N, C-alpha and C. Protein backbone atom coordinates (compact mmCIF):
# COMPACT_ATOMS: atom_id res chain seq x y z
N MET A 1 261.05 96.90 118.19
CA MET A 1 260.91 95.21 118.74
C MET A 1 260.35 94.85 119.94
N THR A 2 259.33 93.93 119.64
CA THR A 2 258.25 93.92 120.60
C THR A 2 258.92 93.06 121.97
N LYS A 3 258.66 93.33 123.32
CA LYS A 3 258.86 93.08 124.51
C LYS A 3 257.95 92.12 124.73
N VAL A 4 257.54 90.77 125.31
CA VAL A 4 257.09 90.08 126.02
C VAL A 4 258.01 89.45 127.32
N ALA A 5 257.04 89.76 128.39
CA ALA A 5 257.92 89.03 129.58
C ALA A 5 257.26 87.87 130.01
N ILE A 6 257.92 86.94 130.49
CA ILE A 6 257.03 85.84 131.26
C ILE A 6 257.43 85.69 132.46
N VAL A 7 256.71 86.16 133.09
CA VAL A 7 256.98 85.79 135.08
C VAL A 7 256.64 84.80 135.84
N PHE A 8 257.07 84.33 136.39
CA PHE A 8 256.87 82.74 136.59
C PHE A 8 257.20 82.52 138.01
N HIS A 9 256.73 81.74 138.94
CA HIS A 9 257.08 81.39 139.89
C HIS A 9 257.21 79.70 139.67
N SER A 10 257.84 78.89 139.93
CA SER A 10 257.88 77.61 139.45
C SER A 10 258.29 76.67 140.84
N GLY A 11 257.26 75.92 141.91
CA GLY A 11 258.60 75.30 142.91
C GLY A 11 258.95 74.15 142.83
N PHE A 12 258.64 73.17 141.89
CA PHE A 12 258.86 72.15 141.72
C PHE A 12 259.68 71.53 140.57
N GLY A 13 259.37 73.35 139.09
CA GLY A 13 259.60 73.07 138.10
C GLY A 13 259.23 72.74 136.77
N HIS A 14 257.65 72.11 137.49
CA HIS A 14 256.65 72.08 136.37
C HIS A 14 255.77 73.36 136.05
N THR A 15 255.88 74.53 136.73
CA THR A 15 255.69 75.30 136.13
C THR A 15 256.71 76.70 135.05
N GLY A 16 257.82 75.90 135.56
CA GLY A 16 259.36 76.59 134.92
C GLY A 16 258.82 75.96 133.18
N VAL A 17 258.61 74.71 133.15
CA VAL A 17 258.17 73.55 131.98
C VAL A 17 257.68 74.49 131.20
N LEU A 18 256.31 74.86 131.93
CA LEU A 18 255.19 75.83 131.08
C LEU A 18 255.80 77.29 130.30
N ALA A 19 256.27 77.96 131.48
CA ALA A 19 257.23 79.51 131.39
C ALA A 19 257.58 79.47 129.60
N GLU A 20 259.08 78.04 130.28
CA GLU A 20 259.78 78.03 128.83
C GLU A 20 259.16 77.81 127.60
N ALA A 21 257.90 77.07 127.44
CA ALA A 21 256.74 76.76 126.33
C ALA A 21 256.49 78.03 126.10
N VAL A 22 255.93 78.81 126.86
CA VAL A 22 255.31 79.86 126.99
C VAL A 22 256.43 80.84 126.50
N GLY A 23 257.39 81.36 126.37
CA GLY A 23 258.81 81.73 125.71
C GLY A 23 259.24 81.11 124.66
N ARG A 24 259.27 80.19 124.26
CA ARG A 24 259.02 79.79 122.69
C ARG A 24 258.00 80.22 121.80
N GLY A 25 256.82 79.75 122.47
CA GLY A 25 255.46 80.61 122.06
C GLY A 25 255.61 81.79 121.20
N ALA A 26 256.11 82.87 122.60
CA ALA A 26 256.20 84.37 121.94
C ALA A 26 257.23 84.71 121.32
N ALA A 27 258.61 83.87 121.67
CA ALA A 27 259.87 84.23 120.31
C ALA A 27 260.05 83.66 118.87
N SER A 28 258.38 82.74 118.93
CA SER A 28 258.54 82.13 117.52
C SER A 28 257.99 83.02 116.81
N VAL A 29 257.83 84.26 116.91
CA VAL A 29 257.03 85.56 116.18
C VAL A 29 257.92 86.51 116.00
N PRO A 30 258.05 86.80 114.75
CA PRO A 30 258.86 87.58 114.15
C PRO A 30 258.49 88.83 114.59
N GLY A 31 259.96 89.86 115.44
CA GLY A 31 260.12 91.08 115.33
C GLY A 31 259.55 90.88 117.08
N VAL A 32 259.57 89.57 118.15
CA VAL A 32 259.65 89.76 119.59
C VAL A 32 260.47 89.08 119.99
N ASP A 33 261.21 90.12 120.97
CA ASP A 33 261.90 89.54 122.06
C ASP A 33 261.44 88.72 123.41
N ALA A 34 261.58 87.89 123.71
CA ALA A 34 260.55 87.11 124.90
C ALA A 34 261.70 86.57 125.92
N ARG A 35 261.30 87.54 127.24
CA ARG A 35 262.42 86.95 127.93
C ARG A 35 261.45 86.10 129.51
N LEU A 36 262.23 85.00 130.02
CA LEU A 36 261.78 84.82 131.07
C LEU A 36 262.04 85.43 132.14
N VAL A 37 261.47 85.41 133.27
CA VAL A 37 261.72 86.29 134.82
C VAL A 37 261.37 85.62 135.60
N PRO A 38 261.92 85.20 136.41
CA PRO A 38 261.60 84.20 137.46
C PRO A 38 261.11 85.61 138.63
N ALA A 39 260.22 84.72 139.41
CA ALA A 39 259.41 86.09 140.14
C ALA A 39 260.56 85.89 141.44
N THR A 40 260.94 85.12 141.76
CA THR A 40 262.19 85.61 142.79
C THR A 40 263.15 86.04 142.60
N GLU A 41 263.29 86.23 141.12
CA GLU A 41 264.69 86.77 140.75
C GLU A 41 264.58 88.03 140.16
N VAL A 42 263.23 88.99 140.25
CA VAL A 42 262.58 89.74 139.73
C VAL A 42 263.74 91.16 139.58
N ASP A 43 264.45 91.52 140.84
CA ASP A 43 265.14 92.24 141.13
C ASP A 43 265.99 93.64 139.51
N GLY A 44 266.55 92.69 139.05
CA GLY A 44 267.27 92.84 137.97
C GLY A 44 266.81 93.05 136.52
N HIS A 45 265.05 92.36 136.99
CA HIS A 45 264.57 93.02 135.13
C HIS A 45 263.53 93.94 135.43
N TRP A 46 263.14 94.85 136.49
CA TRP A 46 262.05 95.90 136.51
C TRP A 46 261.77 96.59 135.61
N ASP A 47 263.15 96.94 134.87
CA ASP A 47 263.30 97.76 133.22
C ASP A 47 262.53 97.37 132.55
N TYR A 48 263.31 95.96 132.36
CA TYR A 48 262.20 95.26 130.73
C TYR A 48 260.85 95.15 131.50
N LEU A 49 260.32 94.91 132.66
CA LEU A 49 259.04 94.69 132.59
C LEU A 49 258.47 96.35 132.40
N ASP A 50 259.03 97.02 132.61
CA ASP A 50 258.34 98.35 132.70
C ASP A 50 258.53 98.61 131.08
N GLU A 51 259.26 98.00 130.48
CA GLU A 51 259.48 98.32 128.40
C GLU A 51 258.80 97.47 128.30
N ALA A 52 258.08 96.70 128.44
CA ALA A 52 257.30 95.08 128.16
C ALA A 52 256.24 95.69 127.84
N ASP A 53 256.00 95.18 126.51
CA ASP A 53 254.42 95.54 125.42
C ASP A 53 253.82 94.60 126.32
N ALA A 54 253.61 93.14 126.76
CA ALA A 54 253.11 92.39 127.22
C ALA A 54 253.38 91.53 128.39
N ILE A 55 253.50 91.24 129.60
CA ILE A 55 253.18 90.59 131.08
C ILE A 55 252.62 89.26 130.69
N ILE A 56 253.29 88.13 130.30
CA ILE A 56 252.56 86.77 131.06
C ILE A 56 253.22 86.31 132.13
N MET A 57 251.88 86.09 132.87
CA MET A 57 252.38 85.84 134.47
C MET A 57 252.06 84.42 134.64
N GLY A 58 252.94 83.49 135.29
CA GLY A 58 252.65 81.84 135.53
C GLY A 58 252.89 81.59 137.29
N SER A 59 252.06 80.55 137.58
CA SER A 59 252.11 80.36 138.94
C SER A 59 251.46 79.02 139.31
N PRO A 60 252.28 78.45 139.82
CA PRO A 60 251.91 77.10 140.13
C PRO A 60 250.34 77.02 140.97
N THR A 61 249.55 76.45 141.18
CA THR A 61 248.16 76.53 141.79
C THR A 61 248.79 76.11 142.91
N TYR A 62 248.66 76.40 144.03
CA TYR A 62 248.58 75.98 145.47
C TYR A 62 247.63 76.28 146.49
N MET A 63 247.24 74.93 147.16
CA MET A 63 245.67 75.63 148.11
C MET A 63 244.68 76.33 147.59
N GLY A 64 244.80 76.24 145.88
CA GLY A 64 243.61 76.65 145.61
C GLY A 64 243.58 78.42 144.88
N SER A 65 245.09 78.93 144.61
CA SER A 65 245.36 79.98 144.78
C SER A 65 246.80 80.47 144.08
N VAL A 66 247.15 81.35 144.12
CA VAL A 66 248.56 81.52 143.51
C VAL A 66 249.68 81.17 144.42
N SER A 67 251.05 81.19 144.28
CA SER A 67 252.25 80.41 145.12
C SER A 67 252.47 81.38 145.92
N ALA A 68 253.25 81.78 146.43
CA ALA A 68 253.65 82.60 147.83
C ALA A 68 254.71 83.21 146.71
N GLY A 69 255.62 82.72 146.15
CA GLY A 69 256.58 83.53 144.77
C GLY A 69 256.18 84.29 144.22
N LEU A 70 255.08 83.73 143.60
CA LEU A 70 254.69 84.99 142.56
C LEU A 70 253.50 86.00 143.63
N LYS A 71 252.83 85.96 144.25
CA LYS A 71 251.99 87.04 145.21
C LYS A 71 253.22 88.09 145.54
N ALA A 72 254.26 87.59 146.18
CA ALA A 72 255.29 88.47 146.64
C ALA A 72 255.59 89.55 145.37
N PHE A 73 256.16 88.82 144.37
CA PHE A 73 255.93 89.21 143.04
C PHE A 73 254.88 90.62 142.53
N MET A 74 253.91 90.13 142.81
CA MET A 74 252.43 91.15 142.31
C MET A 74 252.38 92.24 143.59
N GLU A 75 252.82 91.94 144.67
CA GLU A 75 253.11 93.04 145.69
C GLU A 75 254.21 93.76 146.08
N ALA A 76 255.30 93.68 145.18
CA ALA A 76 256.16 94.32 145.11
C ALA A 76 255.85 95.02 144.30
N THR A 77 255.54 94.80 143.27
CA THR A 77 254.63 96.38 142.19
C THR A 77 253.53 97.19 142.70
N VAL A 78 253.11 97.54 143.96
CA VAL A 78 252.67 98.30 144.15
C VAL A 78 253.07 99.82 143.71
N ASP A 79 254.26 100.26 143.84
CA ASP A 79 254.49 101.18 143.35
C ASP A 79 253.89 101.62 141.88
N ARG A 80 254.69 100.55 141.21
CA ARG A 80 253.76 100.55 139.62
C ARG A 80 252.23 100.74 139.52
N TYR A 81 252.08 100.47 140.61
CA TYR A 81 250.30 99.95 140.67
C TYR A 81 250.00 101.66 140.79
N PHE A 82 250.77 102.05 141.73
CA PHE A 82 249.72 103.63 142.11
C PHE A 82 250.09 104.72 140.91
N GLU A 83 251.17 104.16 140.04
CA GLU A 83 251.34 105.20 139.08
C GLU A 83 250.69 104.85 137.63
N GLN A 84 250.22 103.23 137.91
CA GLN A 84 249.74 103.00 136.85
C GLN A 84 250.35 102.91 135.53
N ARG A 85 252.09 102.78 136.23
CA ARG A 85 252.73 102.26 135.17
C ARG A 85 252.68 101.12 134.04
N TRP A 86 251.95 99.96 134.16
CA TRP A 86 251.67 98.90 133.59
C TRP A 86 250.35 99.20 132.67
N ARG A 87 249.68 100.52 132.54
CA ARG A 87 248.56 100.70 131.95
C ARG A 87 248.50 100.73 130.54
N ASP A 88 247.72 99.61 129.87
CA ASP A 88 247.38 99.13 128.57
C ASP A 88 248.63 98.50 127.79
N LYS A 89 249.39 97.78 129.19
CA LYS A 89 249.77 96.67 128.58
C LYS A 89 249.21 95.59 128.44
N LEU A 90 249.87 94.46 127.80
CA LEU A 90 248.86 93.20 127.48
C LEU A 90 249.37 92.15 128.74
N ALA A 91 248.30 91.34 129.07
CA ALA A 91 248.53 90.15 130.12
C ALA A 91 247.85 89.69 129.81
N ALA A 92 248.73 88.00 130.32
CA ALA A 92 248.12 87.12 130.46
C ALA A 92 248.45 86.10 131.50
N GLY A 93 248.08 84.91 131.48
CA GLY A 93 248.29 83.66 132.58
C GLY A 93 248.74 82.16 132.57
N PHE A 94 249.56 81.57 133.27
CA PHE A 94 249.21 80.25 133.04
C PHE A 94 249.55 79.39 134.34
N THR A 95 249.12 78.43 134.54
CA THR A 95 249.24 77.57 135.86
C THR A 95 249.24 76.41 135.66
N ASN A 96 249.52 75.47 136.65
CA ASN A 96 250.09 74.02 136.84
C ASN A 96 249.62 73.34 138.36
N SER A 97 248.82 72.18 138.35
CA SER A 97 248.73 71.80 139.64
C SER A 97 248.49 70.18 139.39
N ALA A 98 248.89 69.58 140.24
CA ALA A 98 248.84 67.99 140.63
C ALA A 98 247.33 67.57 139.76
N SER A 99 246.73 67.63 140.53
CA SER A 99 245.19 67.05 140.07
C SER A 99 244.61 67.78 138.63
N GLN A 100 243.34 67.27 137.79
CA GLN A 100 242.84 67.72 136.87
C GLN A 100 242.47 68.98 136.91
N SER A 101 241.82 69.57 137.98
CA SER A 101 241.17 70.52 138.06
C SER A 101 241.66 71.46 139.26
N GLY A 102 241.96 71.04 140.23
CA GLY A 102 243.34 71.47 141.22
C GLY A 102 242.59 73.08 141.64
N ASP A 103 241.48 73.42 141.31
CA ASP A 103 240.85 74.45 140.96
C ASP A 103 241.79 75.88 140.61
N LYS A 104 242.26 75.50 139.35
CA LYS A 104 243.15 75.83 138.55
C LYS A 104 243.02 77.32 138.09
N ILE A 105 241.57 77.45 138.30
CA ILE A 105 240.71 78.66 137.47
C ILE A 105 240.75 79.26 138.62
N ASN A 106 241.07 79.38 139.53
CA ASN A 106 241.11 80.72 140.73
C ASN A 106 242.19 80.99 140.44
N THR A 107 243.49 80.19 140.42
CA THR A 107 244.56 80.88 140.52
C THR A 107 244.76 82.19 139.13
N LEU A 108 244.01 81.89 137.84
CA LEU A 108 244.32 82.35 136.89
C LEU A 108 243.24 83.87 136.85
N VAL A 109 241.85 83.55 137.65
CA VAL A 109 241.57 84.42 138.02
C VAL A 109 242.06 85.73 139.35
N ASP A 110 242.73 85.04 139.82
CA ASP A 110 244.18 86.02 140.46
C ASP A 110 244.62 86.80 139.94
N ILE A 111 245.79 85.96 138.88
CA ILE A 111 246.75 86.83 138.11
C ILE A 111 245.69 87.71 137.37
N ALA A 112 244.58 87.42 136.74
CA ALA A 112 243.81 88.07 136.06
C ALA A 112 243.37 89.87 136.59
N MET A 113 243.04 89.49 137.84
CA MET A 113 242.62 90.25 138.63
C MET A 113 243.65 91.30 139.14
N PHE A 114 244.99 90.66 139.45
CA PHE A 114 246.06 91.40 139.51
C PHE A 114 245.86 92.61 138.35
N ALA A 115 246.42 91.67 136.92
CA ALA A 115 246.63 92.83 135.57
C ALA A 115 245.37 94.09 135.97
N ALA A 116 243.99 93.66 136.04
CA ALA A 116 243.15 94.43 135.79
C ALA A 116 243.12 95.58 136.97
N GLN A 117 243.89 95.49 137.95
CA GLN A 117 244.23 96.75 139.03
C GLN A 117 245.54 96.99 138.37
N HIS A 118 246.13 96.97 137.57
CA HIS A 118 247.10 97.67 136.83
C HIS A 118 246.76 98.32 135.84
N GLY A 119 245.42 97.98 135.22
CA GLY A 119 244.79 98.57 133.94
C GLY A 119 245.21 98.27 133.22
N MET A 120 245.74 96.61 132.51
CA MET A 120 246.23 95.98 131.46
C MET A 120 245.10 95.49 131.06
N ILE A 121 245.27 94.86 129.67
CA ILE A 121 244.33 94.43 129.02
C ILE A 121 244.80 92.82 129.16
N TRP A 122 243.83 91.46 129.27
CA TRP A 122 243.26 90.58 129.29
C TRP A 122 243.59 89.79 128.02
N VAL A 123 244.70 88.67 127.91
CA VAL A 123 244.37 88.18 126.70
C VAL A 123 244.38 86.78 127.14
N ASN A 124 243.28 86.16 126.21
CA ASN A 124 242.39 84.33 126.90
C ASN A 124 243.67 83.58 125.89
N LEU A 125 243.02 82.52 126.07
CA LEU A 125 243.91 81.51 125.59
C LEU A 125 243.38 80.95 124.19
N GLY A 126 242.16 81.26 123.84
CA GLY A 126 241.90 81.48 122.45
C GLY A 126 241.80 79.93 121.79
N LEU A 127 241.53 79.31 122.36
CA LEU A 127 241.13 77.82 122.05
C LEU A 127 240.04 77.24 122.65
N VAL A 128 239.24 76.51 121.69
CA VAL A 128 238.12 75.90 122.45
C VAL A 128 238.57 74.37 123.00
N ALA A 129 238.20 73.88 123.95
CA ALA A 129 238.26 72.67 125.11
C ALA A 129 238.64 71.36 124.29
N GLY A 130 239.84 70.81 124.37
CA GLY A 130 240.27 69.98 123.79
C GLY A 130 239.80 68.55 124.81
N ASN A 131 239.84 67.44 124.06
CA ASN A 131 239.51 66.44 124.96
C ASN A 131 237.97 66.17 125.32
N ASP A 132 237.34 66.88 124.93
CA ASP A 132 235.72 66.75 125.50
C ASP A 132 234.52 65.88 124.81
N SER A 133 234.96 65.20 123.86
CA SER A 133 233.84 64.52 123.59
C SER A 133 234.74 63.06 123.38
N SER A 134 233.99 61.97 122.46
CA SER A 134 234.19 60.49 122.50
C SER A 134 235.31 60.51 121.26
N THR A 135 235.49 61.44 120.62
CA THR A 135 236.37 61.26 119.81
C THR A 135 238.15 62.23 120.06
N GLY A 136 237.85 62.62 121.15
CA GLY A 136 239.08 63.94 121.84
C GLY A 136 240.21 62.70 122.39
N SER A 137 240.93 63.77 123.15
CA SER A 137 242.40 62.60 123.54
C SER A 137 242.62 63.19 124.53
N ALA A 138 243.96 63.32 125.40
CA ALA A 138 244.31 63.76 126.23
C ALA A 138 245.61 64.48 125.32
N GLU A 139 245.56 63.89 124.18
CA GLU A 139 247.21 64.68 123.40
C GLU A 139 246.43 66.09 122.82
N ASP A 140 245.16 66.62 122.75
CA ASP A 140 244.49 67.35 122.56
C ASP A 140 245.02 69.13 123.27
N LEU A 141 245.27 69.71 122.32
CA LEU A 141 245.66 71.16 122.76
C LEU A 141 244.83 71.61 123.50
N ASN A 142 244.12 72.27 124.82
CA ASN A 142 243.25 72.73 125.78
C ASN A 142 243.04 71.49 126.34
N ARG A 143 243.40 70.51 126.78
CA ARG A 143 243.29 69.25 126.80
C ARG A 143 242.36 69.67 128.19
N LEU A 144 242.68 70.36 129.53
CA LEU A 144 241.73 70.29 130.42
C LEU A 144 240.74 71.49 130.29
N GLY A 145 240.69 71.88 129.36
CA GLY A 145 239.29 72.91 129.07
C GLY A 145 239.35 74.68 129.64
N GLY A 146 240.28 75.17 129.57
CA GLY A 146 240.56 76.15 130.47
C GLY A 146 240.55 77.28 128.91
N TRP A 147 239.82 78.63 129.30
CA TRP A 147 239.53 79.63 128.40
C TRP A 147 240.21 80.70 128.73
N MET A 148 239.94 81.10 130.31
CA MET A 148 240.94 82.36 130.39
C MET A 148 242.73 82.58 130.44
N GLY A 149 242.86 81.08 130.31
CA GLY A 149 244.86 81.13 130.36
C GLY A 149 245.17 79.74 130.26
N ALA A 150 246.70 79.60 130.13
CA ALA A 150 246.87 78.12 129.97
C ALA A 150 246.88 77.08 130.99
N MET A 151 246.42 75.93 131.40
CA MET A 151 246.36 75.14 132.30
C MET A 151 247.28 74.14 132.04
N GLY A 152 247.93 73.70 133.25
CA GLY A 152 248.93 71.91 132.81
C GLY A 152 248.57 71.61 133.93
N GLN A 153 248.68 70.17 134.32
CA GLN A 153 248.55 68.95 134.99
C GLN A 153 249.57 68.45 135.09
N SER A 154 250.69 68.17 136.32
CA SER A 154 251.43 67.37 136.29
C SER A 154 251.03 66.12 137.64
N ASN A 155 251.11 64.72 137.47
CA ASN A 155 251.18 63.75 138.20
C ASN A 155 252.19 64.35 138.96
N ALA A 156 251.17 64.46 140.37
CA ALA A 156 252.68 64.50 141.77
C ALA A 156 253.32 63.61 141.76
N ASP A 157 253.62 62.44 141.09
CA ASP A 157 254.61 61.49 141.35
C ASP A 157 255.38 61.32 139.97
N GLN A 158 255.59 62.50 139.11
CA GLN A 158 256.32 62.85 138.18
C GLN A 158 257.30 64.06 138.34
N GLY A 159 258.50 63.93 137.97
CA GLY A 159 258.85 65.21 137.82
C GLY A 159 258.72 66.14 137.04
N PRO A 160 259.84 67.01 136.32
CA PRO A 160 259.44 68.02 135.14
C PRO A 160 259.72 67.85 133.82
N GLY A 161 260.51 66.65 134.04
CA GLY A 161 260.85 65.80 132.66
C GLY A 161 259.98 64.97 131.98
N GLU A 162 259.18 64.90 132.67
CA GLU A 162 257.81 63.76 132.21
C GLU A 162 256.42 64.68 132.39
N ALA A 163 256.22 65.62 133.22
CA ALA A 163 255.27 66.60 133.39
C ALA A 163 255.06 67.91 133.68
N PRO A 164 254.53 68.68 132.61
CA PRO A 164 253.32 68.23 131.95
C PRO A 164 253.15 67.97 131.05
N PRO A 165 252.34 67.10 130.50
CA PRO A 165 252.19 66.15 129.19
C PRO A 165 252.70 67.33 128.39
N GLU A 166 253.35 66.91 127.08
CA GLU A 166 253.53 67.55 125.44
C GLU A 166 252.35 68.31 125.24
N SER A 167 251.11 67.75 125.80
CA SER A 167 249.73 68.62 124.50
C SER A 167 249.66 69.88 125.92
N ASP A 168 249.98 69.99 127.55
CA ASP A 168 249.96 71.01 127.79
C ASP A 168 251.34 71.97 127.76
N ARG A 169 252.14 71.72 127.09
CA ARG A 169 253.28 72.63 126.89
C ARG A 169 253.00 72.92 125.64
N LEU A 170 252.38 72.13 124.34
CA LEU A 170 252.00 72.74 123.31
C LEU A 170 250.98 73.41 123.19
N THR A 171 250.17 73.83 124.38
CA THR A 171 248.67 74.61 124.81
C THR A 171 249.67 75.78 125.47
N ALA A 172 250.54 75.75 125.89
CA ALA A 172 251.35 76.94 126.76
C ALA A 172 252.14 77.89 125.68
N GLU A 173 252.56 76.54 124.94
CA GLU A 173 253.63 77.53 123.56
C GLU A 173 252.15 78.18 122.44
N HIS A 174 251.15 77.76 122.53
CA HIS A 174 249.64 78.44 122.01
C HIS A 174 249.76 80.05 122.64
N LEU A 175 249.54 79.82 123.76
CA LEU A 175 249.39 80.82 125.02
C LEU A 175 250.25 82.48 124.44
N GLY A 176 252.00 81.30 124.28
CA GLY A 176 252.63 82.07 124.26
C GLY A 176 252.84 83.09 122.88
N ARG A 177 252.70 82.34 121.87
CA ARG A 177 252.35 83.19 120.53
C ARG A 177 251.40 83.84 120.40
N ARG A 178 250.01 83.36 120.88
CA ARG A 178 249.28 84.85 120.72
C ARG A 178 248.86 85.88 121.58
N VAL A 179 249.48 85.34 122.56
CA VAL A 179 250.08 86.75 123.30
C VAL A 179 250.66 88.00 122.59
N ALA A 180 252.11 87.44 121.92
CA ALA A 180 253.17 87.93 121.52
C ALA A 180 252.07 88.24 119.97
N GLU A 181 251.52 87.72 119.19
CA GLU A 181 250.92 88.55 118.16
C GLU A 181 250.00 89.52 118.45
N ALA A 182 249.53 89.24 119.63
CA ALA A 182 248.38 90.53 120.03
C ALA A 182 249.92 91.77 120.42
N ALA A 183 250.65 91.70 120.44
CA ALA A 183 251.48 92.91 121.17
C ALA A 183 251.61 93.22 120.42
N VAL A 184 252.27 92.66 118.99
CA VAL A 184 252.75 93.01 117.75
C VAL A 184 251.58 93.73 117.23
N ARG A 185 250.77 93.39 116.88
CA ARG A 185 248.93 94.59 116.65
C ARG A 185 248.79 95.70 117.06
N TRP A 186 249.15 95.52 118.81
CA TRP A 186 248.65 96.31 119.41
C TRP A 186 249.31 97.13 119.22
N GLY A 187 250.75 96.96 119.06
CA GLY A 187 252.15 98.07 118.96
C GLY A 187 251.77 98.94 117.66
N LYS A 188 251.05 98.36 116.80
CA LYS A 188 250.94 98.87 115.34
C LYS A 188 249.73 99.92 115.67
N MET A 189 249.02 99.53 115.88
CA MET A 189 247.41 100.63 116.74
C MET A 189 247.70 101.70 117.43
N THR A 190 248.57 101.40 118.24
CA THR A 190 249.04 102.73 119.23
C THR A 190 250.35 103.29 118.90
N GLY A 191 250.38 102.71 117.32
CA GLY A 191 251.98 103.41 116.87
C GLY A 191 253.47 103.69 117.88
N ASP A 192 253.33 102.50 118.56
CA ASP A 192 254.94 102.13 119.91
C ASP A 192 255.31 101.17 118.42
């Protein structure tokens, strides 16, 4: 069984909505066990993370970077870093902010750099940009035009029941499915 962990922090619930979508996408791949792991509750899940074939990390973008909740998770992995315990696991990322840009790319770069320090292999979104022509719309997958990972946007005056919009949820689901499919293929190539 291929294991995919989705580690996330969600301050107001919007990033949690994306994490659930990533989990649905990963779990839709036959032979994949996907588990949501809130970053602030990671203590009961370290064994699963160590056994996982892929770890997808998500954070809201606060002040142009990852949230303190995800950063605390990252710093708690220091022993794993020194042992390079997560080397050659697949990694990916997702984020959400209130504004269209919100400097979300910096959050994804933070997560990718963390993964690189662990020796992990980054899986990008694998979608062309949507909503970038006169025939595009906000309903397109990857409507915010990110390539490094899944990006969501939630209006500041809407709760997680309304935002992020369905197109962002489906983009996150795509990321989960893409990473899970890559993890299954990676396992076959490495004999796991």
